[in-house]
Amino acid sequence: IQRINRTLKYQGAILDIYSDKMRLDDGSIQDW
């Protein structure tokens, strides 16, 4: 599994929330 992109969606006091675009082993792309 490869992360091909990471986008910061929210930055809090102790937590950051990201949207990762992932390439799975079958070549498909998913948002995690």
Full PDB file with SEQRES, HELIX, SHEET, SSBOND, CRYST1, ORIGX, SCALE, CONECT and MASTER records, all heavy atoms in Angstrom:
SEQRES   1 A   32  ILE GLN ARG ILE ASN ARG THR LEU LYS TYR GLN GLY ALA          
SEQRES   2 A   32  ILE LEU ASP ILE TYR SER ASP LYS MET ARG LEU ASP ASP          
SEQRES   3 A   32  GLY SER ILE GLN ASP TRP                                      
SHEET    1 AA1 3 GLN A   2  GLN A  11  0                                        
SHEET    2 AA1 3 ASP A  16  ARG A  23 -1                                        
SHEET    3 AA1 3 ILE A  29  ASP A  31 -1                                        
CRYST1    1.000    1.000    1.000  90.00  90.00  90.00 P 1           1          
ORIGX1      1.000000  0.000000  0.000000        0.00000                         
ORIGX2      0.000000  1.000000  0.000000        0.00000                         
ORIGX3      0.000000  0.000000  1.000000        0.00000                         
SCALE1      1.000000  0.000000  0.000000        0.00000                         
SCALE2      0.000000  1.000000  0.000000        0.00000                         
SCALE3      0.000000  0.000000  1.000000        0.00000                         
ATOM      1  N   ILE A   1       0.857  -1.176   0.000  1.00  0.00           N  
ATOM      2  CA  ILE A   1       0.000   0.000   0.000  1.00  0.00           C  
ATOM      3  C   ILE A   1       0.898   1.232   0.000  1.00  0.00           C  
ATOM      4  O   ILE A   1       1.863   1.303   0.759  1.00  0.00           O  
ATOM      5  CB  ILE A   1      -0.925   0.004   1.233  1.00  0.00           C  
ATOM      6  CG1 ILE A   1      -1.813  -1.241   1.230  1.00  0.00           C  
ATOM      7  CG2 ILE A   1      -1.752   1.270   1.273  1.00  0.00           C  
ATOM      8  CD1 ILE A   1      -2.616  -1.426   2.498  1.00  0.00           C  
ATOM      9  N   GLN A   2       0.562   2.197  -0.856  1.00  0.00           N  
ATOM     10  CA  GLN A   2       1.353   3.420  -0.933  1.00  0.00           C  
ATOM     11  C   GLN A   2       0.487   4.640  -0.681  1.00  0.00           C  
ATOM     12  O   GLN A   2      -0.609   4.747  -1.228  1.00  0.00           O  
ATOM     13  CB  GLN A   2       1.965   3.581  -2.325  1.00  0.00           C  
ATOM     14  CG  GLN A   2       3.043   2.602  -2.657  1.00  0.00           C  
ATOM     15  CD  GLN A   2       3.591   2.886  -4.043  1.00  0.00           C  
ATOM     16  OE1 GLN A   2       2.841   2.903  -5.011  1.00  0.00           O  
ATOM     17  NE2 GLN A   2       4.881   3.096  -4.129  1.00  0.00           N  
ATOM     18  N   ARG A   3       1.012   5.541   0.129  1.00  0.00           N  
ATOM     19  CA  ARG A   3       0.375   6.843   0.275  1.00  0.00           C  
ATOM     20  C   ARG A   3       0.889   7.699  -0.876  1.00  0.00           C  
ATOM     21  O   ARG A   3       2.089   7.872  -1.027  1.00  0.00           O  
ATOM     22  CB  ARG A   3       0.747   7.479   1.608  1.00  0.00           C  
ATOM     23  CG  ARG A   3       0.101   8.846   1.821  1.00  0.00           C  
ATOM     24  CD  ARG A   3       0.529   9.518   3.123  1.00  0.00           C  
ATOM     25  NE  ARG A   3       0.396   8.646   4.279  1.00  0.00           N  
ATOM     26  CZ  ARG A   3       1.428   8.157   4.972  1.00  0.00           C  
ATOM     27  NH1 ARG A   3       2.661   8.439   4.640  1.00  0.00           N  
ATOM     28  NH2 ARG A   3       1.214   7.377   6.007  1.00  0.00           N  
ATOM     29  N   ILE A   4      -0.021   8.232  -1.691  1.00  0.00           N  
ATOM     30  CA  ILE A   4       0.418   9.052  -2.819  1.00  0.00           C  
ATOM     31  C   ILE A   4       0.150  10.536  -2.591  1.00  0.00           C  
ATOM     32  O   ILE A   4       0.677  11.370  -3.316  1.00  0.00           O  
ATOM     33  CB  ILE A   4      -0.192   8.562  -4.154  1.00  0.00           C  
ATOM     34  CG1 ILE A   4      -1.712   8.484  -4.101  1.00  0.00           C  
ATOM     35  CG2 ILE A   4       0.390   7.199  -4.513  1.00  0.00           C  
ATOM     36  CD1 ILE A   4      -2.366   8.062  -5.408  1.00  0.00           C  
ATOM     37  N   ASN A   5      -0.645  10.842  -1.565  1.00  0.00           N  
ATOM     38  CA  ASN A   5      -0.892  12.243  -1.230  1.00  0.00           C  
ATOM     39  C   ASN A   5      -1.478  12.324   0.173  1.00  0.00           C  
ATOM     40  O   ASN A   5      -2.195  11.428   0.602  1.00  0.00           O  
ATOM     41  CB  ASN A   5      -1.853  12.880  -2.240  1.00  0.00           C  
ATOM     42  CG  ASN A   5      -1.949  14.378  -2.070  1.00  0.00           C  
ATOM     43  OD1 ASN A   5      -0.967  15.042  -1.745  1.00  0.00           O  
ATOM     44  ND2 ASN A   5      -3.128  14.920  -2.272  1.00  0.00           N  
ATOM     45  N   ARG A   6      -1.151  13.410   0.874  1.00  0.00           N  
ATOM     46  CA  ARG A   6      -1.719  13.663   2.204  1.00  0.00           C  
ATOM     47  C   ARG A   6      -2.104  15.134   2.250  1.00  0.00           C  
ATOM     48  O   ARG A   6      -1.292  16.003   1.975  1.00  0.00           O  
ATOM     49  CB  ARG A   6      -0.719  13.340   3.307  1.00  0.00           C  
ATOM     50  CG  ARG A   6      -1.216  13.756   4.687  1.00  0.00           C  
ATOM     51  CD  ARG A   6      -0.381  13.196   5.796  1.00  0.00           C  
ATOM     52  NE  ARG A   6      -0.804  11.804   6.000  1.00  0.00           N  
ATOM     53  CZ  ARG A   6      -0.185  10.928   6.754  1.00  0.00           C  
ATOM     54  NH1 ARG A   6       0.907  11.268   7.397  1.00  0.00           N  
ATOM     55  NH2 ARG A   6      -0.659   9.702   6.878  1.00  0.00           N  
ATOM     56  N   THR A   7      -3.367  15.401   2.645  1.00  0.00           N  
ATOM     57  CA  THR A   7      -3.864  16.769   2.734  1.00  0.00           C  
ATOM     58  C   THR A   7      -4.371  17.028   4.141  1.00  0.00           C  
ATOM     59  O   THR A   7      -5.222  16.285   4.644  1.00  0.00           O  
ATOM     60  CB  THR A   7      -5.019  16.997   1.723  1.00  0.00           C  
ATOM     61  OG1 THR A   7      -4.567  16.648   0.423  1.00  0.00           O  
ATOM     62  CG2 THR A   7      -5.489  18.435   1.753  1.00  0.00           C  
ATOM     63  N   LEU A   8      -3.840  18.086   4.773  1.00  0.00           N  
ATOM     64  CA  LEU A   8      -4.297  18.476   6.092  1.00  0.00           C  
ATOM     65  C   LEU A   8      -5.705  19.052   5.982  1.00  0.00           C  
ATOM     66  O   LEU A   8      -5.942  19.989   5.232  1.00  0.00           O  
ATOM     67  CB  LEU A   8      -3.347  19.514   6.701  1.00  0.00           C  
ATOM     68  CG  LEU A   8      -3.703  20.031   8.092  1.00  0.00           C  
ATOM     69  CD1 LEU A   8      -3.651  18.911   9.135  1.00  0.00           C  
ATOM     70  CD2 LEU A   8      -2.762  21.171   8.489  1.00  0.00           C  
ATOM     71  N   LYS A   9      -6.646  18.500   6.736  1.00  0.00           N  
ATOM     72  CA  LYS A   9      -8.033  18.963   6.718  1.00  0.00           C  
ATOM     73  C   LYS A   9      -8.385  19.791   7.950  1.00  0.00           C  
ATOM     74  O   LYS A   9      -9.250  20.645   7.907  1.00  0.00           O  
ATOM     75  CB  LYS A   9      -9.002  17.769   6.626  1.00  0.00           C  
ATOM     76  CG  LYS A   9      -8.886  16.996   5.339  1.00  0.00           C  
ATOM     77  CD  LYS A   9      -9.310  17.853   4.171  1.00  0.00           C  
ATOM     78  CE  LYS A   9      -9.348  17.051   2.892  1.00  0.00           C  
ATOM     79  NZ  LYS A   9      -9.831  17.835   1.774  1.00  0.00           N  
ATOM     80  N   TYR A  10      -7.735  19.484   9.090  1.00  0.00           N  
ATOM     81  CA  TYR A  10      -8.024  20.195  10.331  1.00  0.00           C  
ATOM     82  C   TYR A  10      -6.795  20.121  11.228  1.00  0.00           C  
ATOM     83  O   TYR A  10      -6.193  19.054  11.377  1.00  0.00           O  
ATOM     84  CB  TYR A  10      -9.213  19.563  11.055  1.00  0.00           C  
ATOM     85  CG  TYR A  10      -9.439  20.109  12.440  1.00  0.00           C  
ATOM     86  CD1 TYR A  10     -10.073  21.335  12.635  1.00  0.00           C  
ATOM     87  CD2 TYR A  10      -8.990  19.421  13.560  1.00  0.00           C  
ATOM     88  CE1 TYR A  10     -10.260  21.854  13.909  1.00  0.00           C  
ATOM     89  CE2 TYR A  10      -9.170  19.929  14.838  1.00  0.00           C  
ATOM     90  CZ  TYR A  10      -9.802  21.144  15.007  1.00  0.00           C  
ATOM     91  OH  TYR A  10      -9.974  21.660  16.264  1.00  0.00           O  
ATOM     92  N   GLN A  11      -6.439  21.247  11.835  1.00  0.00           N  
ATOM     93  CA  GLN A  11      -5.347  21.271  12.799  1.00  0.00           C  
ATOM     94  C   GLN A  11      -5.892  21.749  14.135  1.00  0.00           C  
ATOM     95  O   GLN A  11      -6.395  22.873  14.242  1.00  0.00           O  
ATOM     96  CB  GLN A  11      -4.217  22.183  12.333  1.00  0.00           C  
ATOM     97  CG  GLN A  11      -2.997  22.096  13.197  1.00  0.00           C  
ATOM     98  CD  GLN A  11      -1.801  22.800  12.567  1.00  0.00           C  
ATOM     99  OE1 GLN A  11      -1.951  23.701  11.763  1.00  0.00           O  
ATOM    100  NE2 GLN A  11      -0.617  22.353  12.932  1.00  0.00           N  
ATOM    101  N   GLY A  12      -5.829  20.875  15.144  1.00  0.00           N  
ATOM    102  CA  GLY A  12      -6.330  21.208  16.470  1.00  0.00           C  
ATOM    103  C   GLY A  12      -5.200  21.385  17.454  1.00  0.00           C  
ATOM    104  O   GLY A  12      -4.026  21.433  17.080  1.00  0.00           O  
ATOM    105  N   ALA A  13      -5.552  21.459  18.717  1.00  0.00           N  
ATOM    106  CA  ALA A  13      -4.559  21.662  19.772  1.00  0.00           C  
ATOM    107  C   ALA A  13      -3.616  20.464  19.908  1.00  0.00           C  
ATOM    108  O   ALA A  13      -2.419  20.629  20.106  1.00  0.00           O  
ATOM    109  CB  ALA A  13      -5.260  21.932  21.100  1.00  0.00           C  
ATOM    110  N   ILE A  14      -4.147  19.244  19.801  1.00  0.00           N  
ATOM    111  CA  ILE A  14      -3.307  18.049  19.918  1.00  0.00           C  
ATOM    112  C   ILE A  14      -3.457  17.084  18.750  1.00  0.00           C  
ATOM    113  O   ILE A  14      -2.648  16.185  18.585  1.00  0.00           O  
ATOM    114  CB  ILE A  14      -3.572  17.287  21.237  1.00  0.00           C  
ATOM    115  CG1 ILE A  14      -5.030  16.876  21.346  1.00  0.00           C  
ATOM    116  CG2 ILE A  14      -3.127  18.091  22.433  1.00  0.00           C  
ATOM    117  CD1 ILE A  14      -5.323  15.922  22.485  1.00  0.00           C  
ATOM    118  N   LEU A  15      -4.495  17.279  17.938  1.00  0.00           N  
ATOM    119  CA  LEU A  15      -4.766  16.374  16.823  1.00  0.00           C  
ATOM    120  C   LEU A  15      -4.739  17.116  15.502  1.00  0.00           C  
ATOM    121  O   LEU A  15      -5.207  18.240  15.400  1.00  0.00           O  
ATOM    122  CB  LEU A  15      -6.152  15.732  16.974  1.00  0.00           C  
ATOM    123  CG  LEU A  15      -6.412  14.877  18.187  1.00  0.00           C  
ATOM    124  CD1 LEU A  15      -7.869  14.438  18.215  1.00  0.00           C  
ATOM    125  CD2 LEU A  15      -5.494  13.670  18.215  1.00  0.00           C  
ATOM    126  N   ASP A  16      -4.206  16.445  14.483  1.00  0.00           N  
ATOM    127  CA  ASP A  16      -4.308  16.907  13.100  1.00  0.00           C  
ATOM    128  C   ASP A  16      -5.065  15.830  12.339  1.00  0.00           C  
ATOM    129  O   ASP A  16      -4.810  14.632  12.521  1.00  0.00           O  
ATOM    130  CB  ASP A  16      -2.927  17.089  12.466  1.00  0.00           C  
ATOM    131  CG  ASP A  16      -2.136  18.210  13.106  1.00  0.00           C  
ATOM    132  OD1 ASP A  16      -2.752  19.144  13.637  1.00  0.00           O  
ATOM    133  OD2 ASP A  16      -0.888  18.139  13.067  1.00  0.00           O  
ATOM    134  N   ILE A  17      -5.989  16.259  11.490  1.00  0.00           N  
ATOM    135  CA  ILE A  17      -6.768  15.302  10.703  1.00  0.00           C  
ATOM    136  C   ILE A  17      -6.421  15.493   9.231  1.00  0.00           C  
ATOM    137  O   ILE A  17      -6.462  16.614   8.708  1.00  0.00           O  
ATOM    138  CB  ILE A  17      -8.276  15.467  10.950  1.00  0.00           C  
ATOM    139  CG1 ILE A  17      -8.569  15.261  12.440  1.00  0.00           C  
ATOM    140  CG2 ILE A  17      -9.072  14.487  10.082  1.00  0.00           C  
ATOM    141  CD1 ILE A  17      -9.985  15.532  12.853  1.00  0.00           C  
ATOM    142  N   TYR A  18      -6.095  14.389   8.585  1.00  0.00           N  
ATOM    143  CA  TYR A  18      -5.652  14.399   7.200  1.00  0.00           C  
ATOM    144  C   TYR A  18      -6.557  13.531   6.336  1.00  0.00           C  
ATOM    145  O   TYR A  18      -7.194  12.589   6.814  1.00  0.00           O  
ATOM    146  CB  TYR A  18      -4.237  13.823   7.076  1.00  0.00           C  
ATOM    147  CG  TYR A  18      -3.174  14.629   7.751  1.00  0.00           C  
ATOM    148  CD1 TYR A  18      -2.849  14.407   9.089  1.00  0.00           C  
ATOM    149  CD2 TYR A  18      -2.467  15.598   7.052  1.00  0.00           C  
ATOM    150  CE1 TYR A  18      -1.856  15.139   9.715  1.00  0.00           C  
ATOM    151  CE2 TYR A  18      -1.468  16.338   7.666  1.00  0.00           C  
ATOM    152  CZ  TYR A  18      -1.167  16.101   8.998  1.00  0.00           C  
ATOM    153  OH  TYR A  18      -0.183  16.823   9.615  1.00  0.00           O  
ATOM    154  N   SER A  19      -6.548  13.814   5.045  1.00  0.00           N  
ATOM    155  CA  SER A  19      -7.119  12.937   4.042  1.00  0.00           C  
ATOM    156  C   SER A  19      -5.947  12.385   3.241  1.00  0.00           C  
ATOM    157  O   SER A  19      -5.169  13.146   2.662  1.00  0.00           O  
ATOM    158  CB  SER A  19      -8.077  13.712   3.130  1.00  0.00           C  
ATOM    159  OG  SER A  19      -8.558  12.853   2.125  1.00  0.00           O  
ATOM    160  N   ASP A  20      -5.803  11.075   3.262  1.00  0.00           N  
ATOM    161  CA  ASP A  20      -4.726  10.414   2.524  1.00  0.00           C  
ATOM    162  C   ASP A  20      -5.293   9.776   1.261  1.00  0.00           C  
ATOM    163  O   ASP A  20      -6.362   9.158   1.292  1.00  0.00           O  
ATOM    164  CB  ASP A  20      -4.090   9.311   3.367  1.00  0.00           C  
ATOM    165  CG  ASP A  20      -3.175   9.830   4.452  1.00  0.00           C  
ATOM    166  OD1 ASP A  20      -2.896  11.051   4.461  1.00  0.00           O  
ATOM    167  OD2 ASP A  20      -2.736   9.013   5.286  1.00  0.00           O  
ATOM    168  N   LYS A  21      -4.590   9.924   0.183  1.00  0.00           N  
ATOM    169  CA  LYS A  21      -4.923   9.214  -1.056  1.00  0.00           C  
ATOM    170  C   LYS A  21      -3.981   8.019  -1.112  1.00  0.00           C  
ATOM    171  O   LYS A  21      -2.764   8.174  -1.103  1.00  0.00           O  
ATOM    172  CB  LYS A  21      -4.734  10.118  -2.269  1.00  0.00           C  
ATOM    173  CG  LYS A  21      -5.396   9.536  -3.506  1.00  0.00           C  
ATOM    174  CD  LYS A  21      -5.677  10.572  -4.572  1.00  0.00           C  
ATOM    175  CE  LYS A  21      -6.749  11.551  -4.238  1.00  0.00           C  
ATOM    176  NZ  LYS A  21      -8.101  11.066  -4.159  1.00  0.00           N  
ATOM    177  N   MET A  22      -4.562   6.819  -1.144  1.00  0.00           N  
ATOM    178  CA  MET A  22      -3.791   5.584  -1.041  1.00  0.00           C  
ATOM    179  C   MET A  22      -3.927   4.743  -2.310  1.00  0.00           C  
ATOM    180  O   MET A  22      -5.027   4.607  -2.849  1.00  0.00           O  
ATOM    181  CB  MET A  22      -4.286   4.763   0.158  1.00  0.00           C  
ATOM    182  CG  MET A  22      -4.334   5.522   1.479  1.00  0.00           C  
ATOM    183  SD  MET A  22      -2.757   6.126   2.065  1.00  0.00           S  
ATOM    184  CE  MET A  22      -1.978   4.593   2.504  1.00  0.00           C  
ATOM    185  N   ARG A  23      -2.797   4.195  -2.759  1.00  0.00           N  
ATOM    186  CA  ARG A  23      -2.807   3.228  -3.866  1.00  0.00           C  
ATOM    187  C   ARG A  23      -2.687   1.843  -3.243  1.00  0.00           C  
ATOM    188  O   ARG A  23      -1.720   1.536  -2.552  1.00  0.00           O  
ATOM    189  CB  ARG A  23      -1.649   3.466  -4.830  1.00  0.00           C  
ATOM    190  CG  ARG A  23      -1.645   2.410  -5.968  1.00  0.00           C  
ATOM    191  CD  ARG A  23      -0.546   2.631  -6.997  1.00  0.00           C  
ATOM    192  NE  ARG A  23      -0.911   3.800  -7.805  1.00  0.00           N  
ATOM    193  CZ  ARG A  23      -0.179   4.906  -7.898  1.00  0.00           C  
ATOM    194  NH1 ARG A  23       0.957   5.011  -7.247  1.00  0.00           N  
ATOM    195  NH2 ARG A  23      -0.569   5.916  -8.645  1.00  0.00           N  
ATOM    196  N   LEU A  24      -3.706   1.018  -3.475  1.00  0.00           N  
ATOM    197  CA  LEU A  24      -3.724  -0.332  -2.920  1.00  0.00           C  
ATOM    198  C   LEU A  24      -2.909  -1.268  -3.799  1.00  0.00           C  
ATOM    199  O   LEU A  24      -2.523  -0.926  -4.922  1.00  0.00           O  
ATOM    200  CB  LEU A  24      -5.165  -0.826  -2.793  1.00  0.00           C  
ATOM    201  CG  LEU A  24      -6.102   0.085  -1.985  1.00  0.00           C  
ATOM    202  CD1 LEU A  24      -7.466  -0.558  -1.834  1.00  0.00           C  
ATOM    203  CD2 LEU A  24      -5.517   0.429  -0.634  1.00  0.00           C  
ATOM    204  N   ASP A  25      -2.670  -2.471  -3.311  1.00  0.00           N  
ATOM    205  CA  ASP A  25      -1.822  -3.409  -4.049  1.00  0.00           C  
ATOM    206  C   ASP A  25      -2.431  -3.833  -5.379  1.00  0.00           C  
ATOM    207  O   ASP A  25      -1.714  -4.261  -6.277  1.00  0.00           O  
ATOM    208  CB  ASP A  25      -1.454  -4.621  -3.193  1.00  0.00           C  
ATOM    209  CG  ASP A  25      -2.651  -5.414  -2.693  1.00  0.00           C  
ATOM    210  OD1 ASP A  25      -3.785  -4.921  -2.786  1.00  0.00           O  
ATOM    211  OD2 ASP A  25      -2.431  -6.537  -2.194  1.00  0.00           O  
ATOM    212  N   ASP A  26      -3.741  -3.672  -5.561  1.00  0.00           N  
ATOM    213  CA  ASP A  26      -4.362  -4.005  -6.847  1.00  0.00           C  
ATOM    214  C   ASP A  26      -4.350  -2.811  -7.816  1.00  0.00           C  
ATOM    215  O   ASP A  26      -4.904  -2.880  -8.909  1.00  0.00           O  
ATOM    216  CB  ASP A  26      -5.790  -4.515  -6.655  1.00  0.00           C  
ATOM    217  CG  ASP A  26      -6.760  -3.466  -6.135  1.00  0.00           C  
ATOM    218  OD1 ASP A  26      -6.335  -2.306  -5.908  1.00  0.00           O  
ATOM    219  OD2 ASP A  26      -7.941  -3.810  -5.936  1.00  0.00           O  
ATOM    220  N   GLY A  27      -3.735  -1.689  -7.398  1.00  0.00           N  
ATOM    221  CA  GLY A  27      -3.635  -0.508  -8.243  1.00  0.00           C  
ATOM    222  C   GLY A  27      -4.759   0.492  -8.060  1.00  0.00           C  
ATOM    223  O   GLY A  27      -4.676   1.623  -8.561  1.00  0.00           O  
ATOM    224  N   SER A  28      -5.817   0.123  -7.352  1.00  0.00           N  
ATOM    225  CA  SER A  28      -6.929   1.058  -7.148  1.00  0.00           C  
ATOM    226  C   SER A  28      -6.524   2.162  -6.170  1.00  0.00           C  
ATOM    227  O   SER A  28      -5.607   2.005  -5.374  1.00  0.00           O  
ATOM    228  CB  SER A  28      -8.175   0.320  -6.649  1.00  0.00           C  
ATOM    229  OG  SER A  28      -7.931  -0.257  -5.383  1.00  0.00           O  
ATOM    230  N   ILE A  29      -7.221   3.279  -6.250  1.00  0.00           N  
ATOM    231  CA  ILE A  29      -6.958   4.437  -5.403  1.00  0.00           C  
ATOM    232  C   ILE A  29      -8.141   4.633  -4.459  1.00  0.00           C  
ATOM    233  O   ILE A  29      -9.294   4.561  -4.872  1.00  0.00           O  
ATOM    234  CB  ILE A  29      -6.767   5.721  -6.252  1.00  0.00           C  
ATOM    235  CG1 ILE A  29      -5.695   5.522  -7.311  1.00  0.00           C  
ATOM    236  CG2 ILE A  29      -6.485   6.918  -5.360  1.00  0.00           C  
ATOM    237  CD1 ILE A  29      -4.302   5.346  -6.774  1.00  0.00           C  
ATOM    238  N   GLN A  30      -7.842   4.873  -3.193  1.00  0.00           N  
ATOM    239  CA  GLN A  30      -8.881   5.128  -2.197  1.00  0.00           C  
ATOM    240  C   GLN A  30      -8.487   6.325  -1.341  1.00  0.00           C  
ATOM    241  O   GLN A  30      -7.303   6.595  -1.152  1.00  0.00           O  
ATOM    242  CB  GLN A  30      -9.084   3.920  -1.272  1.00  0.00           C  
ATOM    243  CG  GLN A  30      -9.751   2.744  -1.907  1.00  0.00           C  
ATOM    244  CD  GLN A  30     -10.034   1.654  -0.880  1.00  0.00           C  
ATOM    245  OE1 GLN A  30      -9.670   1.734   0.292  1.00  0.00           O  
ATOM    246  NE2 GLN A  30     -10.703   0.601  -1.337  1.00  0.00           N  
ATOM    247  N   ASP A  31      -9.496   6.994  -0.786  1.00  0.00           N  
ATOM    248  CA  ASP A  31      -9.277   8.060   0.189  1.00  0.00           C  
ATOM    249  C   ASP A  31      -9.435   7.463   1.578  1.00  0.00           C  
ATOM    250  O   ASP A  31     -10.429   6.794   1.864  1.00  0.00           O  
ATOM    251  CB  ASP A  31     -10.292   9.194  -0.004  1.00  0.00           C  
ATOM    252  CG  ASP A  31     -10.059   9.963  -1.285  1.00  0.00           C  
ATOM    253  OD1 ASP A  31      -8.884  10.147  -1.666  1.00  0.00           O  
ATOM    254  OD2 ASP A  31     -11.048  10.385  -1.919  1.00  0.00           O  
ATOM    255  N   TRP A  32      -8.445   7.699   2.421  1.00  0.00           N  
ATOM    256  CA  TRP A  32      -8.454   7.217   3.796  1.00  0.00           C  
ATOM    257  C   TRP A  32      -8.316   8.406   4.728  1.00  0.00           C  
ATOM    258  O   TRP A  32      -7.623   9.382   4.421  1.00  0.00           O  
ATOM    259  CB  TRP A  32      -7.292   6.261   4.067  1.00  0.00           C  
ATOM    260  CG  TRP A  32      -7.380   4.917   3.404  1.00  0.00           C  
ATOM    261  CD1 TRP A  32      -8.281   4.488   2.472  1.00  0.00           C  
ATOM    262  CD2 TRP A  32      -6.491   3.821   3.628  1.00  0.00           C  
ATOM    263  NE1 TRP A  32      -8.021   3.190   2.102  1.00  0.00           N  
ATOM    264  CE2 TRP A  32      -6.911   2.754   2.801  1.00  0.00           C  
ATOM    265  CE3 TRP A  32      -5.386   3.636   4.435  1.00  0.00           C  
ATOM    266  CZ2 TRP A  32      -6.273   1.529   2.774  1.00  0.00           C  
ATOM    267  CZ3 TRP A  32      -4.737   2.412   4.409  1.00  0.00           C  
ATOM    268  CH2 TRP A  32      -5.186   1.367   3.584  1.00  0.00           C  
TER     269      TRP A  32                                                      
MASTER        0    0    0    0    3    0    0    6  268    1    0    3          
END                                                                             
